[in-house]
Amino acid sequence: MKGGRSSPCGARKPKTRASMTNHHDWDLVKQVSDTLHTWRDRVPQRRDLAQWTDRDLHDVGLSWSDIALEVRKPFWRA
């Protein structure tokens, strides 16, 4: 082989510190993006929940007190 290096056929290069950091950075960006999307989706979902009728609540087994607790939560709280 060229350069005097011998490696098994199909062997992968070991991960460098830079490539591991880059991968970690992208994981962090994805995690932050997913969290922001979740938060953005909660606001209209809770607003819609507050508009449910007594029959809707009965159908899913919720009470107005359940709804009040959910609607009062800040968007970042699950």
N, C-alpha and C. Protein backbone atom coordinates (compact mmCIF):
# COMPACT_ATOMS: atom_id res chain seq x y z
N MET A 1 0.82 -1.18 0.00
CA MET A 1 0.00 0.00 0.00
C MET A 1 0.86 1.23 0.00
N LYS A 2 0.30 2.31 -0.48
CA LYS A 2 1.04 3.56 -0.51
C LYS A 2 1.23 4.11 0.89
N GLY A 3 2.35 4.81 1.09
CA GLY A 3 2.59 5.48 2.35
C GLY A 3 2.98 4.53 3.47
N GLY A 4 3.16 3.25 3.18
CA GLY A 4 3.61 2.32 4.19
C GLY A 4 2.54 1.93 5.20
N ARG A 5 1.34 2.39 5.03
CA ARG A 5 0.27 2.03 5.97
C ARG A 5 -0.42 0.77 5.50
N SER A 6 -0.70 -0.09 6.41
CA SER A 6 -1.49 -1.26 6.06
C SER A 6 -2.75 -1.24 6.93
N SER A 7 -3.86 -1.49 6.31
CA SER A 7 -5.10 -1.54 7.05
C SER A 7 -5.97 -2.63 6.48
N PRO A 8 -6.77 -3.23 7.29
CA PRO A 8 -7.65 -4.28 6.78
C PRO A 8 -8.62 -3.70 5.76
N CYS A 9 -9.00 -4.52 4.84
CA CYS A 9 -9.94 -4.09 3.79
C CYS A 9 -11.24 -3.62 4.43
N GLY A 10 -11.67 -2.43 4.05
CA GLY A 10 -12.93 -1.90 4.54
C GLY A 10 -12.85 -1.28 5.91
N ALA A 11 -11.66 -1.16 6.48
CA ALA A 11 -11.54 -0.56 7.81
C ALA A 11 -11.88 0.92 7.74
N ARG A 12 -12.51 1.40 8.76
CA ARG A 12 -12.88 2.81 8.84
C ARG A 12 -11.78 3.58 9.55
N LYS A 13 -11.71 4.84 9.21
CA LYS A 13 -10.78 5.71 9.91
C LYS A 13 -11.30 5.91 11.32
N PRO A 14 -10.40 5.97 12.29
CA PRO A 14 -10.87 6.26 13.64
C PRO A 14 -11.42 7.67 13.71
N LYS A 15 -12.42 7.86 14.55
CA LYS A 15 -13.00 9.19 14.68
C LYS A 15 -12.01 10.12 15.35
N THR A 16 -11.89 11.29 14.79
CA THR A 16 -11.03 12.29 15.40
C THR A 16 -11.85 13.09 16.40
N ARG A 17 -11.15 13.79 17.25
CA ARG A 17 -11.83 14.63 18.24
C ARG A 17 -12.71 15.67 17.54
N ALA A 18 -12.21 16.23 16.42
CA ALA A 18 -12.98 17.24 15.69
C ALA A 18 -14.27 16.64 15.13
N SER A 19 -14.20 15.43 14.58
CA SER A 19 -15.42 14.84 14.00
C SER A 19 -16.41 14.46 15.09
N MET A 20 -15.93 14.04 16.26
CA MET A 20 -16.84 13.73 17.35
C MET A 20 -17.51 15.00 17.87
N THR A 21 -16.75 16.08 17.95
CA THR A 21 -17.31 17.35 18.40
C THR A 21 -18.34 17.85 17.40
N ASN A 22 -18.04 17.75 16.11
CA ASN A 22 -18.97 18.18 15.07
C ASN A 22 -20.26 17.37 15.16
N HIS A 23 -20.15 16.07 15.35
CA HIS A 23 -21.34 15.22 15.48
C HIS A 23 -22.14 15.63 16.72
N HIS A 24 -21.44 15.87 17.82
CA HIS A 24 -22.11 16.31 19.06
C HIS A 24 -22.81 17.64 18.85
N ASP A 25 -22.16 18.56 18.13
CA ASP A 25 -22.77 19.86 17.86
C ASP A 25 -24.07 19.70 17.08
N TRP A 26 -24.07 18.83 16.07
CA TRP A 26 -25.28 18.63 15.29
C TRP A 26 -26.37 17.97 16.12
N ASP A 27 -25.99 17.05 17.00
CA ASP A 27 -26.97 16.44 17.89
C ASP A 27 -27.61 17.49 18.79
N LEU A 28 -26.78 18.41 19.28
CA LEU A 28 -27.28 19.48 20.14
C LEU A 28 -28.22 20.40 19.37
N VAL A 29 -27.86 20.75 18.14
CA VAL A 29 -28.71 21.60 17.31
C VAL A 29 -30.04 20.90 17.05
N LYS A 30 -30.01 19.61 16.76
CA LYS A 30 -31.25 18.84 16.51
C LYS A 30 -32.11 18.80 17.78
N GLN A 31 -31.47 18.59 18.92
CA GLN A 31 -32.21 18.53 20.18
C GLN A 31 -32.87 19.87 20.49
N VAL A 32 -32.16 20.95 20.29
CA VAL A 32 -32.72 22.29 20.53
C VAL A 32 -33.86 22.55 19.56
N SER A 33 -33.66 22.20 18.30
CA SER A 33 -34.70 22.40 17.29
C SER A 33 -35.97 21.61 17.65
N ASP A 34 -35.80 20.35 18.04
CA ASP A 34 -36.96 19.53 18.43
C ASP A 34 -37.69 20.13 19.62
N THR A 35 -36.93 20.63 20.59
CA THR A 35 -37.54 21.24 21.78
C THR A 35 -38.33 22.48 21.40
N LEU A 36 -37.76 23.33 20.55
CA LEU A 36 -38.46 24.55 20.13
C LEU A 36 -39.75 24.22 19.37
N HIS A 37 -39.70 23.19 18.52
CA HIS A 37 -40.91 22.78 17.80
C HIS A 37 -41.98 22.28 18.77
N THR A 38 -41.57 21.51 19.76
CA THR A 38 -42.52 21.01 20.75
C THR A 38 -43.17 22.16 21.49
N TRP A 39 -42.37 23.13 21.92
CA TRP A 39 -42.90 24.29 22.63
C TRP A 39 -43.87 25.06 21.75
N ARG A 40 -43.50 25.26 20.48
CA ARG A 40 -44.35 26.01 19.56
C ARG A 40 -45.69 25.29 19.35
N ASP A 41 -45.66 23.98 19.32
CA ASP A 41 -46.89 23.21 19.10
C ASP A 41 -47.81 23.20 20.32
N ARG A 42 -47.24 23.34 21.51
CA ARG A 42 -48.05 23.27 22.73
C ARG A 42 -49.02 24.45 22.87
N VAL A 43 -48.61 25.62 22.45
CA VAL A 43 -49.44 26.81 22.64
C VAL A 43 -50.81 26.65 21.96
N PRO A 44 -50.85 26.38 20.65
CA PRO A 44 -52.19 26.23 20.03
C PRO A 44 -52.94 24.99 20.52
N GLN A 45 -52.22 23.93 20.88
CA GLN A 45 -52.90 22.73 21.40
C GLN A 45 -53.61 23.04 22.71
N ARG A 46 -52.95 23.78 23.57
CA ARG A 46 -53.58 24.13 24.85
C ARG A 46 -54.70 25.14 24.65
N ARG A 47 -54.54 26.04 23.70
CA ARG A 47 -55.60 27.00 23.39
C ARG A 47 -56.83 26.27 22.88
N ASP A 48 -56.64 25.28 22.01
CA ASP A 48 -57.75 24.49 21.49
C ASP A 48 -58.41 23.67 22.60
N LEU A 49 -57.60 23.12 23.48
CA LEU A 49 -58.13 22.33 24.59
C LEU A 49 -59.05 23.16 25.47
N ALA A 50 -58.72 24.41 25.64
CA ALA A 50 -59.55 25.29 26.47
C ALA A 50 -60.92 25.54 25.84
N GLN A 51 -61.07 25.26 24.55
CA GLN A 51 -62.33 25.48 23.84
C GLN A 51 -63.22 24.24 23.78
N TRP A 52 -62.77 23.14 24.33
CA TRP A 52 -63.54 21.91 24.27
C TRP A 52 -64.87 22.06 25.03
N THR A 53 -65.86 21.33 24.57
CA THR A 53 -67.18 21.35 25.21
C THR A 53 -67.24 20.28 26.31
N ASP A 54 -68.29 20.34 27.10
CA ASP A 54 -68.50 19.33 28.14
C ASP A 54 -68.55 17.93 27.54
N ARG A 55 -69.20 17.83 26.40
CA ARG A 55 -69.30 16.51 25.74
C ARG A 55 -67.93 16.01 25.29
N ASP A 56 -67.11 16.91 24.73
CA ASP A 56 -65.75 16.52 24.33
C ASP A 56 -64.96 15.99 25.53
N LEU A 57 -65.06 16.72 26.62
CA LEU A 57 -64.34 16.32 27.83
C LEU A 57 -64.83 14.98 28.35
N HIS A 58 -66.15 14.80 28.33
CA HIS A 58 -66.73 13.54 28.79
C HIS A 58 -66.25 12.38 27.92
N ASP A 59 -66.19 12.60 26.60
CA ASP A 59 -65.78 11.55 25.67
C ASP A 59 -64.36 11.05 25.93
N VAL A 60 -63.49 11.93 26.38
CA VAL A 60 -62.10 11.53 26.62
C VAL A 60 -61.79 11.33 28.11
N GLY A 61 -62.79 11.53 28.95
CA GLY A 61 -62.63 11.28 30.37
C GLY A 61 -61.86 12.35 31.12
N LEU A 62 -61.99 13.60 30.68
CA LEU A 62 -61.34 14.71 31.36
C LEU A 62 -62.37 15.61 32.02
N SER A 63 -61.93 16.34 33.02
CA SER A 63 -62.81 17.30 33.68
C SER A 63 -62.29 18.71 33.40
N TRP A 64 -63.10 19.70 33.76
CA TRP A 64 -62.66 21.09 33.58
C TRP A 64 -61.45 21.40 34.45
N SER A 65 -61.35 20.76 35.60
CA SER A 65 -60.18 21.01 36.44
C SER A 65 -58.91 20.45 35.78
N ASP A 66 -59.03 19.31 35.10
CA ASP A 66 -57.89 18.78 34.33
C ASP A 66 -57.45 19.78 33.27
N ILE A 67 -58.44 20.33 32.58
CA ILE A 67 -58.15 21.28 31.50
C ILE A 67 -57.53 22.54 32.08
N ALA A 68 -58.08 23.03 33.17
CA ALA A 68 -57.55 24.26 33.78
C ALA A 68 -56.09 24.09 34.16
N LEU A 69 -55.74 22.94 34.72
CA LEU A 69 -54.34 22.69 35.08
C LEU A 69 -53.44 22.69 33.85
N GLU A 70 -53.91 22.07 32.79
CA GLU A 70 -53.10 21.98 31.56
C GLU A 70 -52.96 23.34 30.88
N VAL A 71 -54.03 24.07 30.79
CA VAL A 71 -54.02 25.36 30.08
C VAL A 71 -53.16 26.39 30.80
N ARG A 72 -53.09 26.30 32.11
CA ARG A 72 -52.30 27.28 32.88
C ARG A 72 -50.80 27.03 32.83
N LYS A 73 -50.40 25.86 32.38
CA LYS A 73 -48.97 25.54 32.33
C LYS A 73 -48.25 26.44 31.33
N PRO A 74 -47.03 26.84 31.64
CA PRO A 74 -46.23 27.56 30.64
C PRO A 74 -45.86 26.62 29.50
N PHE A 75 -45.56 27.16 28.34
CA PHE A 75 -45.32 26.35 27.16
C PHE A 75 -44.15 25.37 27.32
N TRP A 76 -43.22 25.66 28.19
CA TRP A 76 -42.05 24.78 28.31
C TRP A 76 -42.31 23.60 29.25
N ARG A 77 -43.44 23.61 29.95
CA ARG A 77 -43.73 22.52 30.89
C ARG A 77 -44.63 21.49 30.22
N ALA A 78 -44.23 20.23 30.32
CA ALA A 78 -45.02 19.15 29.71
C ALA A 78 -46.19 18.79 30.58
